[in-house]
Amino acid sequence: MDENRLKVIGDLSIRGVTKEITVDVEGPTAEVKDPGGNIRRGATGTSKINRKDFGLAWNKVLDSGGLVVGDEVNISVEVEMVRK
């Protein structure tokens, strides 16, 4: 893994169920100075979970035979940091 990619492991709680997940993080970006003189950096995180692992099992079959809700959920997080 290079210096701009990390794996962050933490707990995610949904509806009272807590599971450990891994988030793939890209960044942080290089420092930039905004028009107000603040130093900022950013990062992006992504992960996938199975909603049924968190007790979210509701679904409905469509007339065409498909399901209303898929089991796999993509999680995406954008983070902006400001130096104090």
PDB file of N, CA and C in Angstrom:
ATOM      1  N   MET A   1       0.841  -1.168   0.000  1.00  0.00           N
ATOM      2  CA  MET A   1       0.000   0.000   0.000  1.00  0.00           C
ATOM      3  C   MET A   1       0.896   1.245   0.000  1.00  0.00           C
ATOM      4  N   ASP A   2       0.573   2.241  -0.846  1.00  0.00           N
ATOM      5  CA  ASP A   2       1.416   3.422  -0.908  1.00  0.00           C
ATOM      6  C   ASP A   2       1.043   4.420   0.182  1.00  0.00           C
ATOM      7  N   GLU A   3       1.794   5.524   0.251  1.00  0.00           N
ATOM      8  CA  GLU A   3       1.604   6.475   1.351  1.00  0.00           C
ATOM      9  C   GLU A   3       0.297   7.243   1.270  1.00  0.00           C
ATOM     10  N   ASN A   4      -0.408   7.216   0.133  1.00  0.00           N
ATOM     11  CA  ASN A   4      -1.681   7.919   0.006  1.00  0.00           C
ATOM     12  C   ASN A   4      -2.883   6.986   0.107  1.00  0.00           C
ATOM     13  N   ARG A   5      -2.658   5.748   0.502  1.00  0.00           N
ATOM     14  CA  ARG A   5      -3.759   4.786   0.674  1.00  0.00           C
ATOM     15  C   ARG A   5      -3.587   4.086   2.017  1.00  0.00           C
ATOM     16  N   LEU A   6      -4.679   4.055   2.761  1.00  0.00           N
ATOM     17  CA  LEU A   6      -4.667   3.436   4.086  1.00  0.00           C
ATOM     18  C   LEU A   6      -5.865   2.510   4.238  1.00  0.00           C
ATOM     19  N   LYS A   7      -5.782   1.607   5.178  1.00  0.00           N
ATOM     20  CA  LYS A   7      -6.938   0.809   5.606  1.00  0.00           C
ATOM     21  C   LYS A   7      -7.202   1.182   7.052  1.00  0.00           C
ATOM     22  N   VAL A   8      -8.414   1.664   7.315  1.00  0.00           N
ATOM     23  CA  VAL A   8      -8.805   2.064   8.662  1.00  0.00           C
ATOM     24  C   VAL A   8      -9.848   1.064   9.153  1.00  0.00           C
ATOM     25  N   ILE A   9      -9.602   0.487  10.313  1.00  0.00           N
ATOM     26  CA  ILE A   9     -10.513  -0.504  10.893  1.00  0.00           C
ATOM     27  C   ILE A   9     -11.207   0.131  12.079  1.00  0.00           C
ATOM     28  N   GLY A  10     -12.538  -0.015  12.112  1.00  0.00           N
ATOM     29  CA  GLY A  10     -13.295   0.558  13.215  1.00  0.00           C
ATOM     30  C   GLY A  10     -14.648  -0.102  13.339  1.00  0.00           C
ATOM     31  N   ASP A  11     -15.400   0.329  14.325  1.00  0.00           N
ATOM     32  CA  ASP A  11     -16.727  -0.221  14.576  1.00  0.00           C
ATOM     33  C   ASP A  11     -17.796   0.651  13.938  1.00  0.00           C
ATOM     34  N   LEU A  12     -18.773   0.017  13.287  1.00  0.00           N
ATOM     35  CA  LEU A  12     -19.928   0.692  12.707  1.00  0.00           C
ATOM     36  C   LEU A  12     -21.157   0.157  13.419  1.00  0.00           C
ATOM     37  N   SER A  13     -21.987   1.052  13.929  1.00  0.00           N
ATOM     38  CA  SER A  13     -23.228   0.669  14.606  1.00  0.00           C
ATOM     39  C   SER A  13     -24.421   1.135  13.790  1.00  0.00           C
ATOM     40  N   ILE A  14     -25.330   0.206  13.520  1.00  0.00           N
ATOM     41  CA  ILE A  14     -26.577   0.511  12.825  1.00  0.00           C
ATOM     42  C   ILE A  14     -27.692  -0.191  13.568  1.00  0.00           C
ATOM     43  N   ARG A  15     -28.677   0.562  14.006  1.00  0.00           N
ATOM     44  CA  ARG A  15     -29.854   0.024  14.700  1.00  0.00           C
ATOM     45  C   ARG A  15     -29.481  -0.895  15.861  1.00  0.00           C
ATOM     46  N   GLY A  16     -28.488  -0.489  16.632  1.00  0.00           N
ATOM     47  CA  GLY A  16     -28.106  -1.238  17.826  1.00  0.00           C
ATOM     48  C   GLY A  16     -27.185  -2.423  17.583  1.00  0.00           C
ATOM     49  N   VAL A  17     -26.783  -2.659  16.330  1.00  0.00           N
ATOM     50  CA  VAL A  17     -25.869  -3.745  16.010  1.00  0.00           C
ATOM     51  C   VAL A  17     -24.520  -3.125  15.631  1.00  0.00           C
ATOM     52  N   THR A  18     -23.447  -3.578  16.279  1.00  0.00           N
ATOM     53  CA  THR A  18     -22.114  -3.054  16.018  1.00  0.00           C
ATOM     54  C   THR A  18     -21.250  -4.142  15.408  1.00  0.00           C
ATOM     55  N   LYS A  19     -20.613  -3.799  14.295  1.00  0.00           N
ATOM     56  CA  LYS A  19     -19.716  -4.724  13.597  1.00  0.00           C
ATOM     57  C   LYS A  19     -18.434  -3.987  13.251  1.00  0.00           C
ATOM     58  N   GLU A  20     -17.325  -4.712  13.209  1.00  0.00           N
ATOM     59  CA  GLU A  20     -16.057  -4.136  12.771  1.00  0.00           C
ATOM     60  C   GLU A  20     -16.044  -4.098  11.248  1.00  0.00           C
ATOM     61  N   ILE A  21     -15.672  -2.942  10.682  1.00  0.00           N
ATOM     62  CA  ILE A  21     -15.539  -2.824   9.237  1.00  0.00           C
ATOM     63  C   ILE A  21     -14.166  -2.232   8.901  1.00  0.00           C
ATOM     64  N   THR A  22     -13.755  -2.418   7.658  1.00  0.00           N
ATOM     65  CA  THR A  22     -12.524  -1.828   7.149  1.00  0.00           C
ATOM     66  C   THR A  22     -12.894  -0.805   6.091  1.00  0.00           C
ATOM     67  N   VAL A  23     -12.333   0.399   6.224  1.00  0.00           N
ATOM     68  CA  VAL A  23     -12.570   1.469   5.263  1.00  0.00           C
ATOM     69  C   VAL A  23     -11.270   1.712   4.500  1.00  0.00           C
ATOM     70  N   ASP A  24     -11.343   1.671   3.171  1.00  0.00           N
ATOM     71  CA  ASP A  24     -10.197   1.988   2.325  1.00  0.00           C
ATOM     72  C   ASP A  24     -10.152   3.506   2.177  1.00  0.00           C
ATOM     73  N   VAL A  25      -9.042   4.122   2.604  1.00  0.00           N
ATOM     74  CA  VAL A  25      -8.914   5.572   2.600  1.00  0.00           C
ATOM     75  C   VAL A  25      -7.880   5.992   1.569  1.00  0.00           C
ATOM     76  N   GLU A  26      -8.247   6.956   0.748  1.00  0.00           N
ATOM     77  CA  GLU A  26      -7.324   7.571  -0.198  1.00  0.00           C
ATOM     78  C   GLU A  26      -7.059   8.989   0.269  1.00  0.00           C
ATOM     79  N   GLY A  27      -5.791   9.314   0.490  1.00  0.00           N
ATOM     80  CA  GLY A  27      -5.419  10.626   0.993  1.00  0.00           C
ATOM     81  C   GLY A  27      -4.604  10.453   2.250  1.00  0.00           C
ATOM     82  N   PRO A  28      -4.344  11.466   2.978  1.00  0.00           N
ATOM     83  CA  PRO A  28      -4.889  12.800   2.747  1.00  0.00           C
ATOM     84  C   PRO A  28      -4.201  13.490   1.578  1.00  0.00           C
ATOM     85  N   THR A  29      -4.906  14.481   1.024  1.00  0.00           N
ATOM     86  CA  THR A  29      -4.366  15.264  -0.074  1.00  0.00           C
ATOM     87  C   THR A  29      -3.246  16.164   0.440  1.00  0.00           C
ATOM     88  N   ALA A  30      -2.551  16.783  -0.480  1.00  0.00           N
ATOM     89  CA  ALA A  30      -1.545  17.776  -0.097  1.00  0.00           C
ATOM     90  C   ALA A  30      -2.252  18.974   0.556  1.00  0.00           C
ATOM     91  N   GLU A  31      -1.527  19.677   1.418  1.00  0.00           N
ATOM     92  CA  GLU A  31      -2.094  20.855   2.060  1.00  0.00           C
ATOM     93  C   GLU A  31      -2.352  21.947   1.023  1.00  0.00           C
ATOM     94  N   VAL A  32      -3.482  22.647   1.179  1.00  0.00           N
ATOM     95  CA  VAL A  32      -3.793  23.812   0.348  1.00  0.00           C
ATOM     96  C   VAL A  32      -4.254  24.937   1.260  1.00  0.00           C
ATOM     97  N   LYS A  33      -3.963  26.164   0.855  1.00  0.00           N
ATOM     98  CA  LYS A  33      -4.404  27.329   1.613  1.00  0.00           C
ATOM     99  C   LYS A  33      -5.660  27.880   0.944  1.00  0.00           C
ATOM    100  N   ASP A  34      -6.755  28.004   1.711  1.00  0.00           N
ATOM    101  CA  ASP A  34      -7.995  28.540   1.157  1.00  0.00           C
ATOM    102  C   ASP A  34      -7.946  30.074   1.148  1.00  0.00           C
ATOM    103  N   PRO A  35      -8.943  30.735   0.543  1.00  0.00           N
ATOM    104  CA  PRO A  35      -8.931  32.194   0.470  1.00  0.00           C
ATOM    105  C   PRO A  35      -8.894  32.889   1.835  1.00  0.00           C
ATOM    106  N   GLY A  36      -9.332  32.215   2.880  1.00  0.00           N
ATOM    107  CA  GLY A  36      -9.307  32.784   4.228  1.00  0.00           C
ATOM    108  C   GLY A  36      -7.988  32.560   4.953  1.00  0.00           C
ATOM    109  N   GLY A  37      -7.033  31.890   4.291  1.00  0.00           N
ATOM    110  CA  GLY A  37      -5.736  31.637   4.891  1.00  0.00           C
ATOM    111  C   GLY A  37      -5.655  30.360   5.705  1.00  0.00           C
ATOM    112  N   ASN A  38      -6.726  29.566   5.738  1.00  0.00           N
ATOM    113  CA  ASN A  38      -6.735  28.306   6.472  1.00  0.00           C
ATOM    114  C   ASN A  38      -6.049  27.214   5.657  1.00  0.00           C
ATOM    115  N   ILE A  39      -5.339  26.324   6.333  1.00  0.00           N
ATOM    116  CA  ILE A  39      -4.689  25.189   5.682  1.00  0.00           C
ATOM    117  C   ILE A  39      -5.653  24.009   5.731  1.00  0.00           C
ATOM    118  N   ARG A  40      -5.923  23.410   4.555  1.00  0.00           N
ATOM    119  CA  ARG A  40      -6.893  22.314   4.452  1.00  0.00           C
ATOM    120  C   ARG A  40      -6.267  21.100   3.771  1.00  0.00           C
ATOM    121  N   ARG A  41      -6.815  19.921   4.133  1.00  0.00           N
ATOM    122  CA  ARG A  41      -6.481  18.646   3.495  1.00  0.00           C
ATOM    123  C   ARG A  41      -7.773  17.855   3.384  1.00  0.00           C
ATOM    124  N   GLY A  42      -7.794  16.876   2.494  1.00  0.00           N
ATOM    125  CA  GLY A  42      -8.984  16.057   2.329  1.00  0.00           C
ATOM    126  C   GLY A  42      -8.635  14.591   2.205  1.00  0.00           C
ATOM    127  N   ALA A  43      -9.649  13.753   2.366  1.00  0.00           N
ATOM    128  CA  ALA A  43      -9.491  12.309   2.202  1.00  0.00           C
ATOM    129  C   ALA A  43     -10.845  11.720   1.816  1.00  0.00           C
ATOM    130  N   THR A  44     -10.788  10.559   1.171  1.00  0.00           N
ATOM    131  CA  THR A  44     -11.994   9.849   0.766  1.00  0.00           C
ATOM    132  C   THR A  44     -11.915   8.430   1.315  1.00  0.00           C
ATOM    133  N   GLY A  45     -13.020   7.953   1.877  1.00  0.00           N
ATOM    134  CA  GLY A  45     -13.075   6.590   2.390  1.00  0.00           C
ATOM    135  C   GLY A  45     -14.222   5.814   1.769  1.00  0.00           C
ATOM    136  N   THR A  46     -13.998   4.529   1.477  1.00  0.00           N
ATOM    137  CA  THR A  46     -15.054   3.681   0.924  1.00  0.00           C
ATOM    138  C   THR A  46     -15.040   2.316   1.605  1.00  0.00           C
ATOM    139  N   SER A  47     -16.217   1.724   1.677  1.00  0.00           N
ATOM    140  CA  SER A  47     -16.359   0.384   2.236  1.00  0.00           C
ATOM    141  C   SER A  47     -17.650  -0.226   1.712  1.00  0.00           C
ATOM    142  N   LYS A  48     -17.822  -1.506   1.914  1.00  0.00           N
ATOM    143  CA  LYS A  48     -19.064  -2.206   1.572  1.00  0.00           C
ATOM    144  C   LYS A  48     -19.476  -3.038   2.769  1.00  0.00           C
ATOM    145  N   ILE A  49     -20.772  -3.071   3.033  1.00  0.00           N
ATOM    146  CA  ILE A  49     -21.308  -3.923   4.096  1.00  0.00           C
ATOM    147  C   ILE A  49     -22.495  -4.702   3.542  1.00  0.00           C
ATOM    148  N   ASN A  50     -22.869  -5.745   4.247  1.00  0.00           N
ATOM    149  CA  ASN A  50     -24.098  -6.475   3.962  1.00  0.00           C
ATOM    150  C   ASN A  50     -25.122  -5.999   4.983  1.00  0.00           C
ATOM    151  N   ARG A  51     -26.195  -5.403   4.513  1.00  0.00           N
ATOM    152  CA  ARG A  51     -27.194  -4.820   5.420  1.00  0.00           C
ATOM    153  C   ARG A  51     -27.805  -5.871   6.357  1.00  0.00           C
ATOM    154  N   LYS A  52     -27.867  -7.120   5.924  1.00  0.00           N
ATOM    155  CA  LYS A  52     -28.445  -8.166   6.769  1.00  0.00           C
ATOM    156  C   LYS A  52     -27.574  -8.453   7.989  1.00  0.00           C
ATOM    157  N   ASP A  53     -26.257  -8.164   7.887  1.00  0.00           N
ATOM    158  CA  ASP A  53     -25.369  -8.330   9.041  1.00  0.00           C
ATOM    159  C   ASP A  53     -25.749  -7.397  10.189  1.00  0.00           C
ATOM    160  N   PHE A  54     -26.492  -6.334   9.868  1.00  0.00           N
ATOM    161  CA  PHE A  54     -26.909  -5.352  10.871  1.00  0.00           C
ATOM    162  C   PHE A  54     -28.395  -5.473  11.197  1.00  0.00           C
ATOM    163  N   GLY A  55     -28.995  -6.599  10.825  1.00  0.00           N
ATOM    164  CA  GLY A  55     -30.394  -6.844  11.160  1.00  0.00           C
ATOM    165  C   GLY A  55     -31.389  -6.154  10.244  1.00  0.00           C
ATOM    166  N   LEU A  56     -30.933  -5.646   9.105  1.00  0.00           N
ATOM    167  CA  LEU A  56     -31.825  -4.975   8.159  1.00  0.00           C
ATOM    168  C   LEU A  56     -32.254  -5.983   7.096  1.00  0.00           C
ATOM    169  N   ALA A  57     -33.299  -6.733   7.382  1.00  0.00           N
ATOM    170  CA  ALA A  57     -33.682  -7.852   6.527  1.00  0.00           C
ATOM    171  C   ALA A  57     -34.928  -7.591   5.687  1.00  0.00           C
ATOM    172  N   TRP A  58     -35.641  -6.470   5.905  1.00  0.00           N
ATOM    173  CA  TRP A  58     -36.873  -6.207   5.154  1.00  0.00           C
ATOM    174  C   TRP A  58     -36.586  -6.160   3.667  1.00  0.00           C
ATOM    175  N   ASN A  59     -37.490  -6.692   2.880  1.00  0.00           N
ATOM    176  CA  ASN A  59     -37.406  -6.619   1.433  1.00  0.00           C
ATOM    177  C   ASN A  59     -38.769  -6.946   0.854  1.00  0.00           C
ATOM    178  N   LYS A  60     -38.938  -6.680  -0.401  1.00  0.00           N
ATOM    179  CA  LYS A  60     -40.190  -6.979  -1.085  1.00  0.00           C
ATOM    180  C   LYS A  60     -39.853  -7.435  -2.494  1.00  0.00           C
ATOM    181  N   VAL A  61     -40.547  -8.481  -2.950  1.00  0.00           N
ATOM    182  CA  VAL A  61     -40.345  -8.990  -4.301  1.00  0.00           C
ATOM    183  C   VAL A  61     -41.212  -8.165  -5.258  1.00  0.00           C
ATOM    184  N   LEU A  62     -40.587  -7.697  -6.325  1.00  0.00           N
ATOM    185  CA  LEU A  62     -41.308  -6.940  -7.344  1.00  0.00           C
ATOM    186  C   LEU A  62     -42.077  -7.882  -8.252  1.00  0.00           C
ATOM    187  N   ASP A  63     -43.053  -7.346  -8.972  1.00  0.00           N
ATOM    188  CA  ASP A  63     -43.826  -8.163  -9.911  1.00  0.00           C
ATOM    189  C   ASP A  63     -42.922  -8.819 -10.952  1.00  0.00           C
ATOM    190  N   SER A  64     -41.820  -8.163 -11.293  1.00  0.00           N
ATOM    191  CA  SER A  64     -40.894  -8.707 -12.288  1.00  0.00           C
ATOM    192  C   SER A  64     -39.977  -9.783 -11.710  1.00  0.00           C
ATOM    193  N   GLY A  65     -40.050 -10.004 -10.378  1.00  0.00           N
ATOM    194  CA  GLY A  65     -39.249 -11.036  -9.739  1.00  0.00           C
ATOM    195  C   GLY A  65     -38.025 -10.513  -9.018  1.00  0.00           C
ATOM    196  N   GLY A  66     -37.648  -9.254  -9.270  1.00  0.00           N
ATOM    197  CA  GLY A  66     -36.502  -8.658  -8.591  1.00  0.00           C
ATOM    198  C   GLY A  66     -36.859  -8.249  -7.176  1.00  0.00           C
ATOM    199  N   LEU A  67     -35.856  -7.752  -6.452  1.00  0.00           N
ATOM    200  CA  LEU A  67     -36.063  -7.299  -5.088  1.00  0.00           C
ATOM    201  C   LEU A  67     -35.966  -5.781  -5.016  1.00  0.00           C
ATOM    202  N   VAL A  68     -36.680  -5.182  -4.066  1.00  0.00           N
ATOM    203  CA  VAL A  68     -36.672  -3.735  -3.894  1.00  0.00           C
ATOM    204  C   VAL A  68     -35.319  -3.259  -3.380  1.00  0.00           C
ATOM    205  N   VAL A  69     -34.734  -3.992  -2.416  1.00  0.00           N
ATOM    206  CA  VAL A  69     -33.498  -3.572  -1.762  1.00  0.00           C
ATOM    207  C   VAL A  69     -32.450  -4.670  -1.907  1.00  0.00           C
ATOM    208  N   GLY A  70     -31.235  -4.298  -2.349  1.00  0.00           N
ATOM    209  CA  GLY A  70     -30.135  -5.250  -2.429  1.00  0.00           C
ATOM    210  C   GLY A  70     -29.502  -5.448  -1.063  1.00  0.00           C
ATOM    211  N   ASP A  71     -28.729  -6.516  -0.913  1.00  0.00           N
ATOM    212  CA  ASP A  71     -28.077  -6.807   0.364  1.00  0.00           C
ATOM    213  C   ASP A  71     -26.799  -6.000   0.558  1.00  0.00           C
ATOM    214  N   GLU A  72     -26.064  -5.718  -0.524  1.00  0.00           N
ATOM    215  CA  GLU A  72     -24.794  -5.022  -0.426  1.00  0.00           C
ATOM    216  C   GLU A  72     -25.018  -3.505  -0.425  1.00  0.00           C
ATOM    217  N   VAL A  73     -24.379  -2.838   0.534  1.00  0.00           N
ATOM    218  CA  VAL A  73     -24.488  -1.385   0.653  1.00  0.00           C
ATOM    219  C   VAL A  73     -23.089  -0.791   0.519  1.00  0.00           C
ATOM    220  N   ASN A  74     -22.937   0.157  -0.392  1.00  0.00           N
ATOM    221  CA  ASN A  74     -21.674   0.872  -0.564  1.00  0.00           C
ATOM    222  C   ASN A  74     -21.663   2.088   0.349  1.00  0.00           C
ATOM    223  N   ILE A  75     -20.581   2.264   1.079  1.00  0.00           N
ATOM    224  CA  ILE A  75     -20.424   3.407   1.975  1.00  0.00           C
ATOM    225  C   ILE A  75     -19.313   4.287   1.415  1.00  0.00           C
ATOM    226  N   SER A  76     -19.584   5.591   1.350  1.00  0.00           N
ATOM    227  CA  SER A  76     -18.610   6.545   0.845  1.00  0.00           C
ATOM    228  C   SER A  76     -18.570   7.741   1.791  1.00  0.00           C
ATOM    229  N   VAL A  77     -17.354   8.153   2.166  1.00  0.00           N
ATOM    230  CA  VAL A  77     -17.167   9.260   3.104  1.00  0.00           C
ATOM    231  C   VAL A  77     -16.147  10.233   2.523  1.00  0.00           C
ATOM    232  N   GLU A  78     -16.486  11.514   2.525  1.00  0.00           N
ATOM    233  CA  GLU A  78     -15.558  12.579   2.124  1.00  0.00           C
ATOM    234  C   GLU A  78     -15.230  13.376   3.374  1.00  0.00           C
ATOM    235  N   VAL A  79     -13.938  13.563   3.645  1.00  0.00           N
ATOM    236  CA  VAL A  79     -13.495  14.254   4.865  1.00  0.00           C
ATOM    237  C   VAL A  79     -12.659  15.465   4.480  1.00  0.00           C
ATOM    238  N   GLU A  80     -12.943  16.604   5.120  1.00  0.00           N
ATOM    239  CA  GLU A  80     -12.112  17.793   4.952  1.00  0.00           C
ATOM    240  C   GLU A  80     -11.582  18.185   6.322  1.00  0.00           C
ATOM    241  N   MET A  81     -10.267  18.403   6.405  1.00  0.00           N
ATOM    242  CA  MET A  81      -9.629  18.747   7.675  1.00  0.00           C
ATOM    243  C   MET A  81      -9.056  20.153   7.569  1.00  0.00           C
ATOM    244  N   VAL A  82      -9.205  20.931   8.655  1.00  0.00           N
ATOM    245  CA  VAL A  82      -8.694  22.288   8.707  1.00  0.00           C
ATOM    246  C   VAL A  82      -7.719  22.392   9.869  1.00  0.00           C
ATOM    247  N   ARG A  83      -6.508  22.853   9.588  1.00  0.00           N
ATOM    248  CA  ARG A  83      -5.501  22.998  10.641  1.00  0.00           C
ATOM    249  C   ARG A  83      -5.897  24.143  11.568  1.00  0.00           C
ATOM    250  N   LYS A  84      -5.810  23.895  12.870  1.00  0.00           N
ATOM    251  CA  LYS A  84      -6.110  24.925  13.890  1.00  0.00           C
ATOM    252  C   LYS A  84      -4.835  25.515  14.416  1.00  0.00           C
TER     253      LYS A  84
END
